[in-house]
């Protein structure tokens, strides 16, 4: 009886071990079948500092704050390749006198020349354009002054950086009612953008605009509520956003859009594109936080596989 019991136990142990081995093999096969394929190793192609809505003017608080923002960028251990100024470099030139506008641009250039060692590219903001609500100033003349100050031959342009193309748009177009501008692309710029996209299918694309093409934070600043419905103003988000969305959908290599203008921070993904609204260097026009957000700038990491990551830097501006 003992011998028979011993044999039974050995046989049971063998069967149990075999069953466990089979279970492990089946489990490993199931994991292998359901695990995603390993993505190719990605490499960072660009590291871009996005400083938007600086709003500098000839006064101590804003000049000190702008200087500290530039120090914070230039002192990063992991240095950006370049800076993009996202627009609204100066406090306001729409209704200011020429003398005051000259002083604002002087502050901007002096601080930038003294405190920054990185290459910088510029995007025009609505506060950069002189005199649009002044009847004696033509629209072209007002924007041309901003272009001259920012060293731009054209208010929209593109940059080729490795397997990425940076497309900088001009969101700001005039109208005769307050606040004097609407966010859109005119016909000539739209034709140019279509051509840029059609000839860039072998590159990933990052689009930069001062005013968001698509954003969530525009609903919390610059929107109006009427009968429990929220309407976003066409000077707080692109009025041609639907057209641009449809255009971008034709080009899966469009991966990232950067903007400012709203002074708030958000990130959303829609149809494969990451839209980032990157706050404001000045916060609430150098008076502290604007709503929930302190003065800040962003650093964007763009990778070889078309992905992007944002770092927000809330720097010591005071």
C-alpha atoms as a PDB file:
ATOM      1  CA  UNK A   1       0.000   0.000   0.000  1.00  0.00           C
ATOM      2  CA  UNK A   2       2.862   2.371   0.889  1.00  0.00           C
ATOM      3  CA  UNK A   3       4.692   1.611  -2.343  1.00  0.00           C
ATOM      4  CA  UNK A   4       1.533   2.170  -4.340  1.00  0.00           C
ATOM      5  CA  UNK A   5       0.889   5.475  -2.552  1.00  0.00           C
ATOM      6  CA  UNK A   6       4.491   6.601  -3.175  1.00  0.00           C
ATOM      7  CA  UNK A   7       4.135   5.827  -6.863  1.00  0.00           C
ATOM      8  CA  UNK A   8       0.857   7.696  -7.054  1.00  0.00           C
ATOM      9  CA  UNK A   9       2.436  10.790  -5.444  1.00  0.00           C
ATOM     10  CA  UNK A  10       5.407  10.700  -7.856  1.00  0.00           C
ATOM     11  CA  UNK A  11       3.081  10.342 -10.810  1.00  0.00           C
ATOM     12  CA  UNK A  12       0.880  13.191  -9.543  1.00  0.00           C
ATOM     13  CA  UNK A  13       3.934  15.425  -9.035  1.00  0.00           C
ATOM     14  CA  UNK A  14       5.147  14.661 -12.568  1.00  0.00           C
ATOM     15  CA  UNK A  15       1.719  15.374 -14.063  1.00  0.00           C
ATOM     16  CA  UNK A  16       1.402  18.560 -11.997  1.00  0.00           C
ATOM     17  CA  UNK A  17       4.853  19.794 -13.089  1.00  0.00           C
ATOM     18  CA  UNK A  18       4.057  19.033 -16.706  1.00  0.00           C
ATOM     19  CA  UNK A  19       0.748  20.834 -16.466  1.00  0.00           C
ATOM     20  CA  UNK A  20       2.447  23.882 -14.907  1.00  0.00           C
ATOM     21  CA  UNK A  21       5.087  23.853 -17.653  1.00  0.00           C
ATOM     22  CA  UNK A  22       2.382  23.776 -20.337  1.00  0.00           C
ATOM     23  CA  UNK A  23       0.535  26.615 -18.623  1.00  0.00           C
ATOM     24  CA  UNK A  24       3.706  28.706 -18.574  1.00  0.00           C
ATOM     25  CA  UNK A  25       4.362  27.996 -22.238  1.00  0.00           C
ATOM     26  CA  UNK A  26       0.804  28.945 -23.183  1.00  0.00           C
ATOM     27  CA  UNK A  27       1.048  32.103 -21.058  1.00  0.00           C
ATOM     28  CA  UNK A  28       4.320  33.125 -22.731  1.00  0.00           C
ATOM     29  CA  UNK A  29       2.801  32.572 -26.170  1.00  0.00           C
ATOM     30  CA  UNK A  30      -0.278  34.601 -25.216  1.00  0.00           C
ATOM     31  CA  UNK A  31       1.896  37.484 -23.984  1.00  0.00           C
ATOM     32  CA  UNK A  32       3.976  37.361 -27.152  1.00  0.00           C
ATOM     33  CA  UNK A  33       0.822  37.389 -29.267  1.00  0.00           C
ATOM     34  CA  UNK A  34      -0.693  40.399 -27.531  1.00  0.00           C
ATOM     35  CA  UNK A  35       2.435  42.486 -26.790  1.00  0.00           C
ATOM     36  CA  UNK A  36       2.937  45.412 -29.194  1.00  0.00           C
ATOM     37  CA  UNK A  37       5.864  45.319 -31.542  1.00  0.00           C
ATOM     38  CA  UNK A  38       8.846  47.200 -30.181  1.00  0.00           C
ATOM     39  CA  UNK A  39       8.896  50.706 -31.631  1.00  0.00           C
ATOM     40  CA  UNK A  40      12.117  51.717 -33.354  1.00  0.00           C
ATOM     41  CA  UNK A  41      14.412  53.619 -31.020  1.00  0.00           C
ATOM     42  CA  UNK A  42      13.574  57.298 -31.275  1.00  0.00           C
ATOM     43  CA  UNK A  43      16.139  60.043 -31.285  1.00  0.00           C
ATOM     44  CA  UNK A  44      15.627  63.650 -30.316  1.00  0.00           C
ATOM     45  CA  UNK A  45      16.066  65.838 -33.372  1.00  0.00           C
ATOM     46  CA  UNK A  46      15.240  69.277 -31.962  1.00  0.00           C
ATOM     47  CA  UNK A  47      14.984  70.968 -28.599  1.00  0.00           C
ATOM     48  CA  UNK A  48      13.161  74.268 -29.023  1.00  0.00           C
ATOM     49  CA  UNK A  49      12.435  76.939 -26.413  1.00  0.00           C
ATOM     50  CA  UNK A  50       9.053  78.544 -27.100  1.00  0.00           C
ATOM     51  CA  UNK A  51       8.802  81.967 -25.452  1.00  0.00           C
ATOM     52  CA  UNK A  52       5.533  83.633 -26.239  1.00  0.00           C
ATOM     53  CA  UNK A  53       3.678  86.740 -25.048  1.00  0.00           C
ATOM     54  CA  UNK A  54       6.644  88.533 -23.509  1.00  0.00           C
ATOM     55  CA  UNK A  55       4.959  91.963 -23.560  1.00  0.00           C
ATOM     56  CA  UNK A  56       8.047  93.915 -22.605  1.00  0.00           C
ATOM     57  CA  UNK A  57       7.973  97.687 -22.146  1.00  0.00           C
ATOM     58  CA  UNK A  58      10.384 100.280 -20.737  1.00  0.00           C
ATOM     59  CA  UNK A  59       9.756  99.641 -17.053  1.00  0.00           C
ATOM     60  CA  UNK A  60      11.719  97.749 -14.418  1.00  0.00           C
ATOM     61  CA  UNK A  61       9.284  94.886 -13.764  1.00  0.00           C
ATOM     62  CA  UNK A  62       8.849  93.722 -17.354  1.00  0.00           C
ATOM     63  CA  UNK A  63      12.493  94.324 -18.327  1.00  0.00           C
ATOM     64  CA  UNK A  64      13.717  92.385 -15.286  1.00  0.00           C
ATOM     65  CA  UNK A  65      11.214  89.602 -15.934  1.00  0.00           C
ATOM     66  CA  UNK A  66      12.209  89.246 -19.586  1.00  0.00           C
ATOM     67  CA  UNK A  67      15.892  89.189 -18.599  1.00  0.00           C
ATOM     68  CA  UNK A  68      15.230  86.446 -16.051  1.00  0.00           C
ATOM     69  CA  UNK A  69      13.290  84.398 -18.599  1.00  0.00           C
ATOM     70  CA  UNK A  70      16.234  84.566 -21.000  1.00  0.00           C
ATOM     71  CA  UNK A  71      18.655  83.642 -18.213  1.00  0.00           C
ATOM     72  CA  UNK A  72      16.470  80.657 -17.325  1.00  0.00           C
ATOM     73  CA  UNK A  73      16.502  79.461 -20.951  1.00  0.00           C
ATOM     74  CA  UNK A  74      20.207  80.027 -21.534  1.00  0.00           C
ATOM     75  CA  UNK A  75      21.165  78.426 -18.207  1.00  0.00           C
ATOM     76  CA  UNK A  76      19.334  75.154 -18.902  1.00  0.00           C
ATOM     77  CA  UNK A  77      21.739  72.259 -18.524  1.00  0.00           C
ATOM     78  CA  UNK A  78      20.098  70.618 -21.528  1.00  0.00           C
ATOM     79  CA  UNK A  79      20.327  73.617 -23.842  1.00  0.00           C
ATOM     80  CA  UNK A  80      17.746  74.258 -26.559  1.00  0.00           C
ATOM     81  CA  UNK A  81      18.911  74.443 -30.151  1.00  0.00           C
ATOM     82  CA  UNK A  82      17.110  77.749 -30.632  1.00  0.00           C
ATOM     83  CA  UNK A  83      14.296  79.968 -29.379  1.00  0.00           C
ATOM     84  CA  UNK A  84      10.996  80.693 -31.090  1.00  0.00           C
ATOM     85  CA  UNK A  85       9.435  83.993 -30.064  1.00  0.00           C
ATOM     86  CA  UNK A  86       5.741  83.183 -30.347  1.00  0.00           C
ATOM     87  CA  UNK A  87       4.553  86.777 -30.766  1.00  0.00           C
ATOM     88  CA  UNK A  88       3.537  89.788 -28.679  1.00  0.00           C
ATOM     89  CA  UNK A  89       7.148  90.655 -28.039  1.00  0.00           C
ATOM     90  CA  UNK A  90       6.203  94.147 -26.873  1.00  0.00           C
ATOM     91  CA  UNK A  91       3.436  95.342 -24.588  1.00  0.00           C
ATOM     92  CA  UNK A  92       1.208  97.092 -27.114  1.00  0.00           C
ATOM     93  CA  UNK A  93       1.619  99.048 -30.323  1.00  0.00           C
ATOM     94  CA  UNK A  94      -1.977  99.057 -31.545  1.00  0.00           C
ATOM     95  CA  UNK A  95      -2.976 102.396 -30.053  1.00  0.00           C
ATOM     96  CA  UNK A  96       0.383 103.649 -28.742  1.00  0.00           C
ATOM     97  CA  UNK A  97       2.285 106.636 -30.099  1.00  0.00           C
ATOM     98  CA  UNK A  98       5.275 106.061 -32.361  1.00  0.00           C
ATOM     99  CA  UNK A  99       7.594 107.298 -29.624  1.00  0.00           C
ATOM    100  CA  UNK A 100       6.277 104.772 -27.110  1.00  0.00           C
ATOM    101  CA  UNK A 101       6.405 101.941 -29.649  1.00  0.00           C
ATOM    102  CA  UNK A 102      10.049 102.792 -30.414  1.00  0.00           C
ATOM    103  CA  UNK A 103      10.864 102.624 -26.696  1.00  0.00           C
ATOM    104  CA  UNK A 104       9.164  99.240 -26.368  1.00  0.00           C
ATOM    105  CA  UNK A 105      11.128  97.787 -29.286  1.00  0.00           C
ATOM    106  CA  UNK A 106      14.315  99.322 -27.862  1.00  0.00           C
ATOM    107  CA  UNK A 107      13.721  97.487 -24.565  1.00  0.00           C
ATOM    108  CA  UNK A 108      13.064  94.224 -26.394  1.00  0.00           C
ATOM    109  CA  UNK A 109      16.201  94.405 -28.548  1.00  0.00           C
ATOM    110  CA  UNK A 110      18.487  95.635 -25.776  1.00  0.00           C
ATOM    111  CA  UNK A 111      17.557  92.820 -23.411  1.00  0.00           C
ATOM    112  CA  UNK A 112      17.612  90.182 -26.143  1.00  0.00           C
ATOM    113  CA  UNK A 113      21.072  91.286 -27.330  1.00  0.00           C
ATOM    114  CA  UNK A 114      22.506  91.455 -23.807  1.00  0.00           C
ATOM    115  CA  UNK A 115      20.960  88.397 -22.186  1.00  0.00           C
ATOM    116  CA  UNK A 116      20.601  85.769 -24.921  1.00  0.00           C
ATOM    117  CA  UNK A 117      23.182  83.665 -26.761  1.00  0.00           C
ATOM    118  CA  UNK A 118      20.817  81.285 -28.567  1.00  0.00           C
ATOM    119  CA  UNK A 119      19.553  81.670 -32.160  1.00  0.00           C
ATOM    120  CA  UNK A 120      16.024  83.058 -32.242  1.00  0.00           C
ATOM    121  CA  UNK A 121      13.193  82.989 -34.791  1.00  0.00           C
ATOM    122  CA  UNK A 122      10.150  85.232 -34.581  1.00  0.00           C
ATOM    123  CA  UNK A 123       6.389  84.990 -35.042  1.00  0.00           C
ATOM    124  CA  UNK A 124       4.258  88.144 -35.250  1.00  0.00           C
ATOM    125  CA  UNK A 125       1.651  88.770 -32.550  1.00  0.00           C
ATOM    126  CA  UNK A 126      -1.279  91.155 -32.555  1.00  0.00           C
ATOM    127  CA  UNK A 127       0.400  93.508 -30.041  1.00  0.00           C
ATOM    128  CA  UNK A 128       3.444  93.824 -32.308  1.00  0.00           C
ATOM    129  CA  UNK A 129       1.537  95.518 -35.147  1.00  0.00           C
ATOM    130  CA  UNK A 130       1.423  99.311 -35.024  1.00  0.00           C
ATOM    131  CA  UNK A 131      -1.646 101.489 -35.368  1.00  0.00           C
ATOM    132  CA  UNK A 132      -4.345  99.203 -36.745  1.00  0.00           C
ATOM    133  CA  UNK A 133      -6.982 101.161 -34.873  1.00  0.00           C
ATOM    134  CA  UNK A 134      -5.455 104.476 -35.951  1.00  0.00           C
ATOM    135  CA  UNK A 135      -7.175 105.689 -39.155  1.00  0.00           C
ATOM    136  CA  UNK A 136      -4.027 107.346 -40.543  1.00  0.00           C
ATOM    137  CA  UNK A 137      -1.986 104.114 -40.401  1.00  0.00           C
ATOM    138  CA  UNK A 138      -2.370 101.608 -43.237  1.00  0.00           C
ATOM    139  CA  UNK A 139      -2.458  97.922 -42.410  1.00  0.00           C
ATOM    140  CA  UNK A 140       0.643  97.134 -44.464  1.00  0.00           C
ATOM    141  CA  UNK A 141       2.596  99.966 -42.876  1.00  0.00           C
ATOM    142  CA  UNK A 142       1.757  98.789 -39.362  1.00  0.00           C
ATOM    143  CA  UNK A 143       2.792  95.188 -39.991  1.00  0.00           C
ATOM    144  CA  UNK A 144       5.884  96.203 -41.971  1.00  0.00           C
ATOM    145  CA  UNK A 145       7.243  97.993 -38.912  1.00  0.00           C
ATOM    146  CA  UNK A 146       6.924  94.776 -36.885  1.00  0.00           C
ATOM    147  CA  UNK A 147       8.583  92.780 -39.668  1.00  0.00           C
ATOM    148  CA  UNK A 148      11.486  95.226 -39.761  1.00  0.00           C
ATOM    149  CA  UNK A 149      11.943  95.055 -35.991  1.00  0.00           C
ATOM    150  CA  UNK A 150      11.898  91.249 -36.066  1.00  0.00           C
ATOM    151  CA  UNK A 151      14.132  90.949 -39.127  1.00  0.00           C
ATOM    152  CA  UNK A 152      11.485  89.237 -41.253  1.00  0.00           C
ATOM    153  CA  UNK A 153      11.334  89.550 -45.021  1.00  0.00           C
ATOM    154  CA  UNK A 154       7.927  87.902 -44.903  1.00  0.00           C
ATOM    155  CA  UNK A 155       5.549  87.451 -42.001  1.00  0.00           C
ATOM    156  CA  UNK A 156       5.316  83.685 -42.596  1.00  0.00           C
ATOM    157  CA  UNK A 157       8.130  81.286 -43.455  1.00  0.00           C
ATOM    158  CA  UNK A 158       9.498  77.782 -42.889  1.00  0.00           C
ATOM    159  CA  UNK A 159      12.665  76.230 -41.457  1.00  0.00           C
ATOM    160  CA  UNK A 160      14.142  72.845 -42.344  1.00  0.00           C
ATOM    161  CA  UNK A 161      15.664  71.181 -39.292  1.00  0.00           C
ATOM    162  CA  UNK A 162      16.669  67.568 -39.904  1.00  0.00           C
ATOM    163  CA  UNK A 163      13.604  65.445 -40.563  1.00  0.00           C
ATOM    164  CA  UNK A 164      11.390  68.227 -39.144  1.00  0.00           C
ATOM    165  CA  UNK A 165      10.030  71.309 -40.870  1.00  0.00           C
ATOM    166  CA  UNK A 166       8.975  74.272 -38.730  1.00  0.00           C
ATOM    167  CA  UNK A 167       6.242  76.344 -40.408  1.00  0.00           C
ATOM    168  CA  UNK A 168       5.740  79.785 -38.853  1.00  0.00           C
ATOM    169  CA  UNK A 169       2.385  81.361 -39.708  1.00  0.00           C
ATOM    170  CA  UNK A 170       1.034  84.895 -39.500  1.00  0.00           C
ATOM    171  CA  UNK A 171      -2.306  84.675 -37.663  1.00  0.00           C
ATOM    172  CA  UNK A 172      -2.939  88.406 -37.491  1.00  0.00           C
ATOM    173  CA  UNK A 173      -5.171  90.082 -40.060  1.00  0.00           C
ATOM    174  CA  UNK A 174      -6.842  93.495 -39.742  1.00  0.00           C
ATOM    175  CA  UNK A 175     -10.407  94.590 -39.425  1.00  0.00           C
ATOM    176  CA  UNK A 176     -11.886  97.951 -38.503  1.00  0.00           C
ATOM    177  CA  UNK A 177     -13.665  96.908 -35.324  1.00  0.00           C
ATOM    178  CA  UNK A 178     -12.171  96.450 -31.861  1.00  0.00           C
ATOM    179  CA  UNK A 179      -9.831  94.689 -31.212  1.00  0.00           C
ATOM    180  CA  UNK A 180      -8.774  95.390 -34.790  1.00  0.00           C
ATOM    181  CA  UNK A 181      -7.733  91.910 -35.919  1.00  0.00           C
ATOM    182  CA  UNK A 182      -9.044  88.446 -36.700  1.00  0.00           C
ATOM    183  CA  UNK A 183      -7.156  85.138 -36.517  1.00  0.00           C
ATOM    184  CA  UNK A 184      -6.903  83.549 -39.950  1.00  0.00           C
ATOM    185  CA  UNK A 185      -4.698  83.080 -42.993  1.00  0.00           C
ATOM    186  CA  UNK A 186      -5.274  85.217 -46.040  1.00  0.00           C
ATOM    187  CA  UNK A 187      -5.534  83.670 -49.482  1.00  0.00           C
ATOM    188  CA  UNK A 188      -1.880  84.153 -50.416  1.00  0.00           C
ATOM    189  CA  UNK A 189      -0.653  82.613 -47.167  1.00  0.00           C
ATOM    190  CA  UNK A 190      -3.073  79.703 -47.474  1.00  0.00           C
ATOM    191  CA  UNK A 191      -1.782  78.929 -50.973  1.00  0.00           C
ATOM    192  CA  UNK A 192       1.781  79.110 -49.659  1.00  0.00           C
ATOM    193  CA  UNK A 193       0.933  76.741 -46.779  1.00  0.00           C
ATOM    194  CA  UNK A 194      -0.646  74.212 -49.134  1.00  0.00           C
ATOM    195  CA  UNK A 195       2.515  74.240 -51.235  1.00  0.00           C
ATOM    196  CA  UNK A 196       4.734  73.870 -48.159  1.00  0.00           C
ATOM    197  CA  UNK A 197       2.805  70.815 -47.019  1.00  0.00           C
ATOM    198  CA  UNK A 198       2.659  69.200 -50.458  1.00  0.00           C
ATOM    199  CA  UNK A 199       6.451  69.475 -50.810  1.00  0.00           C
ATOM    200  CA  UNK A 200       7.271  68.313 -47.267  1.00  0.00           C
ATOM    201  CA  UNK A 201       5.802  64.807 -47.147  1.00  0.00           C
ATOM    202  CA  UNK A 202       9.208  63.328 -46.246  1.00  0.00           C
ATOM    203  CA  UNK A 203       9.441  65.481 -43.096  1.00  0.00           C
ATOM    204  CA  UNK A 204       7.448  65.831 -39.908  1.00  0.00           C
ATOM    205  CA  UNK A 205       5.845  69.242 -39.537  1.00  0.00           C
ATOM    206  CA  UNK A 206       5.531  71.566 -36.548  1.00  0.00           C
ATOM    207  CA  UNK A 207       3.247  74.574 -37.132  1.00  0.00           C
ATOM    208  CA  UNK A 208       3.755  77.758 -35.099  1.00  0.00           C
ATOM    209  CA  UNK A 209       1.047  80.416 -34.876  1.00  0.00           C
ATOM    210  CA  UNK A 210       0.588  83.235 -32.409  1.00  0.00           C
ATOM    211  CA  UNK A 211      -3.138  82.585 -32.005  1.00  0.00           C
ATOM    212  CA  UNK A 212      -4.194  78.961 -31.437  1.00  0.00           C
ATOM    213  CA  UNK A 213      -5.532  77.002 -34.372  1.00  0.00           C
ATOM    214  CA  UNK A 214      -7.259  74.711 -31.888  1.00  0.00           C
ATOM    215  CA  UNK A 215      -7.260  74.994 -28.095  1.00  0.00           C
ATOM    216  CA  UNK A 216      -9.227  74.226 -24.972  1.00  0.00           C
ATOM    217  CA  UNK A 217      -8.064  77.245 -23.013  1.00  0.00           C
ATOM    218  CA  UNK A 218      -9.722  79.597 -25.516  1.00  0.00           C
ATOM    219  CA  UNK A 219     -13.035  78.521 -23.974  1.00  0.00           C
ATOM    220  CA  UNK A 220     -11.904  79.916 -20.610  1.00  0.00           C
ATOM    221  CA  UNK A 221     -10.505  83.172 -21.908  1.00  0.00           C
ATOM    222  CA  UNK A 222     -11.920  85.103 -24.800  1.00  0.00           C
ATOM    223  CA  UNK A 223     -15.179  83.190 -25.035  1.00  0.00           C
ATOM    224  CA  UNK A 224     -18.680  84.509 -24.458  1.00  0.00           C
ATOM    225  CA  UNK A 225     -21.561  82.682 -22.842  1.00  0.00           C
ATOM    226  CA  UNK A 226     -25.070  83.257 -24.137  1.00  0.00           C
ATOM    227  CA  UNK A 227     -28.077  81.128 -23.220  1.00  0.00           C
ATOM    228  CA  UNK A 228     -25.756  78.513 -21.683  1.00  0.00           C
ATOM    229  CA  UNK A 229     -23.745  78.247 -24.910  1.00  0.00           C
ATOM    230  CA  UNK A 230     -20.067  79.147 -25.201  1.00  0.00           C
ATOM    231  CA  UNK A 231     -18.786  80.882 -28.308  1.00  0.00           C
ATOM    232  CA  UNK A 232     -15.080  81.324 -28.911  1.00  0.00           C
ATOM    233  CA  UNK A 233     -14.102  84.665 -30.390  1.00  0.00           C
ATOM    234  CA  UNK A 234     -12.444  84.688 -33.812  1.00  0.00           C
ATOM    235  CA  UNK A 235      -9.584  86.670 -32.318  1.00  0.00           C
ATOM    236  CA  UNK A 236      -8.870  83.953 -29.716  1.00  0.00           C
ATOM    237  CA  UNK A 237      -8.832  80.926 -32.017  1.00  0.00           C
ATOM    238  CA  UNK A 238      -8.381  80.695 -35.772  1.00  0.00           C
ATOM    239  CA  UNK A 239     -11.624  81.472 -37.587  1.00  0.00           C
ATOM    240  CA  UNK A 240     -10.437  79.110 -40.350  1.00  0.00           C
ATOM    241  CA  UNK A 241      -9.702  76.270 -37.925  1.00  0.00           C
ATOM    242  CA  UNK A 242     -12.053  73.853 -39.696  1.00  0.00           C
ATOM    243  CA  UNK A 243     -10.354  74.462 -43.033  1.00  0.00           C
ATOM    244  CA  UNK A 244      -6.894  74.046 -41.469  1.00  0.00           C
ATOM    245  CA  UNK A 245      -8.004  70.877 -39.688  1.00  0.00           C
ATOM    246  CA  UNK A 246      -9.174  69.412 -42.995  1.00  0.00           C
ATOM    247  CA  UNK A 247      -5.948  70.482 -44.710  1.00  0.00           C
ATOM    248  CA  UNK A 248      -3.744  68.952 -42.015  1.00  0.00           C
ATOM    249  CA  UNK A 249      -5.746  65.715 -42.156  1.00  0.00           C
ATOM    250  CA  UNK A 250      -4.488  65.234 -45.723  1.00  0.00           C
ATOM    251  CA  UNK A 251      -0.912  65.239 -44.405  1.00  0.00           C
ATOM    252  CA  UNK A 252      -0.316  62.730 -41.571  1.00  0.00           C
ATOM    253  CA  UNK A 253       3.206  64.126 -41.188  1.00  0.00           C
ATOM    254  CA  UNK A 254       1.760  67.266 -39.546  1.00  0.00           C
ATOM    255  CA  UNK A 255       2.342  66.345 -35.911  1.00  0.00           C
ATOM    256  CA  UNK A 256       2.607  69.402 -33.686  1.00  0.00           C
ATOM    257  CA  UNK A 257       1.129  72.913 -33.417  1.00  0.00           C
ATOM    258  CA  UNK A 258       2.442  75.572 -31.016  1.00  0.00           C
ATOM    259  CA  UNK A 259       0.685  78.773 -30.014  1.00  0.00           C
ATOM    260  CA  UNK A 260       0.383  81.431 -27.331  1.00  0.00           C
ATOM    261  CA  UNK A 261      -1.892  84.504 -27.167  1.00  0.00           C
ATOM    262  CA  UNK A 262      -4.275  83.163 -24.509  1.00  0.00           C
ATOM    263  CA  UNK A 263      -1.719  83.340 -21.628  1.00  0.00           C
ATOM    264  CA  UNK A 264      -3.057  79.971 -20.431  1.00  0.00           C
ATOM    265  CA  UNK A 265      -1.630  76.471 -20.846  1.00  0.00           C
ATOM    266  CA  UNK A 266      -3.234  73.465 -22.470  1.00  0.00           C
ATOM    267  CA  UNK A 267      -2.449  70.409 -24.567  1.00  0.00           C
ATOM    268  CA  UNK A 268      -4.837  68.420 -26.712  1.00  0.00           C
ATOM    269  CA  UNK A 269      -4.527  65.733 -29.349  1.00  0.00           C
ATOM    270  CA  UNK A 270      -6.907  65.772 -32.268  1.00  0.00           C
ATOM    271  CA  UNK A 271      -6.670  63.574 -35.367  1.00  0.00           C
ATOM    272  CA  UNK A 272      -3.075  62.670 -34.612  1.00  0.00           C
ATOM    273  CA  UNK A 273      -1.831  66.234 -34.030  1.00  0.00           C
ATOM    274  CA  UNK A 274      -0.693  67.576 -30.663  1.00  0.00           C
ATOM    275  CA  UNK A 275      -1.791  71.165 -30.122  1.00  0.00           C
ATOM    276  CA  UNK A 276       0.079  73.033 -27.386  1.00  0.00           C
ATOM    277  CA  UNK A 277      -0.849  76.459 -26.031  1.00  0.00           C
ATOM    278  CA  UNK A 278       2.215  77.474 -24.054  1.00  0.00           C
ATOM    279  CA  UNK A 279       1.155  80.182 -21.640  1.00  0.00           C
ATOM    280  CA  UNK A 280       2.916  83.546 -21.406  1.00  0.00           C
ATOM    281  CA  UNK A 281       6.358  84.697 -20.355  1.00  0.00           C
ATOM    282  CA  UNK A 282       4.634  87.724 -18.774  1.00  0.00           C
ATOM    283  CA  UNK A 283       1.822  85.800 -17.060  1.00  0.00           C
ATOM    284  CA  UNK A 284      -0.792  88.450 -16.353  1.00  0.00           C
ATOM    285  CA  UNK A 285       1.095  91.236 -18.163  1.00  0.00           C
ATOM    286  CA  UNK A 286       3.779  91.291 -15.427  1.00  0.00           C
ATOM    287  CA  UNK A 287       1.260  91.425 -12.584  1.00  0.00           C
ATOM    288  CA  UNK A 288       1.630  87.789 -11.486  1.00  0.00           C
ATOM    289  CA  UNK A 289      -0.508  84.774 -12.361  1.00  0.00           C
ATOM    290  CA  UNK A 290      -3.073  84.994 -15.119  1.00  0.00           C
ATOM    291  CA  UNK A 291      -6.012  82.972 -13.851  1.00  0.00           C
ATOM    292  CA  UNK A 292      -4.401  79.662 -12.776  1.00  0.00           C
ATOM    293  CA  UNK A 293      -1.067  80.109 -14.591  1.00  0.00           C
ATOM    294  CA  UNK A 294       2.148  81.782 -13.520  1.00  0.00           C
ATOM    295  CA  UNK A 295       4.636  83.344 -15.963  1.00  0.00           C
ATOM    296  CA  UNK A 296       6.263  80.524 -17.914  1.00  0.00           C
ATOM    297  CA  UNK A 297       7.922  79.345 -21.095  1.00  0.00           C
ATOM    298  CA  UNK A 298       7.967  75.950 -22.789  1.00  0.00           C
ATOM    299  CA  UNK A 299      10.723  73.748 -24.147  1.00  0.00           C
ATOM    300  CA  UNK A 300       9.612  71.380 -26.897  1.00  0.00           C
ATOM    301  CA  UNK A 301      11.453  68.147 -27.654  1.00  0.00           C
ATOM    302  CA  UNK A 302      10.818  66.897 -31.192  1.00  0.00           C
ATOM    303  CA  UNK A 303      11.804  63.326 -32.034  1.00  0.00           C
ATOM    304  CA  UNK A 304      12.794  61.298 -35.073  1.00  0.00           C
ATOM    305  CA  UNK A 305       9.507  59.348 -35.025  1.00  0.00           C
ATOM    306  CA  UNK A 306       7.316  62.469 -35.180  1.00  0.00           C
ATOM    307  CA  UNK A 307       6.456  62.530 -31.481  1.00  0.00           C
ATOM    308  CA  UNK A 308       6.855  65.556 -29.241  1.00  0.00           C
ATOM    309  CA  UNK A 309       7.118  66.300 -25.546  1.00  0.00           C
ATOM    310  CA  UNK A 310       6.716  69.564 -23.691  1.00  0.00           C
ATOM    311  CA  UNK A 311       8.517  70.850 -20.623  1.00  0.00           C
ATOM    312  CA  UNK A 312       6.927  73.818 -18.860  1.00  0.00           C
ATOM    313  CA  UNK A 313       9.316  76.084 -16.974  1.00  0.00           C
ATOM    314  CA  UNK A 314       7.787  78.347 -14.333  1.00  0.00           C
ATOM    315  CA  UNK A 315      10.809  80.570 -13.794  1.00  0.00           C
ATOM    316  CA  UNK A 316      11.555  83.069 -11.017  1.00  0.00           C
ATOM    317  CA  UNK A 317      10.425  86.214 -12.803  1.00  0.00           C
ATOM    318  CA  UNK A 318      10.480  88.711  -9.906  1.00  0.00           C
END
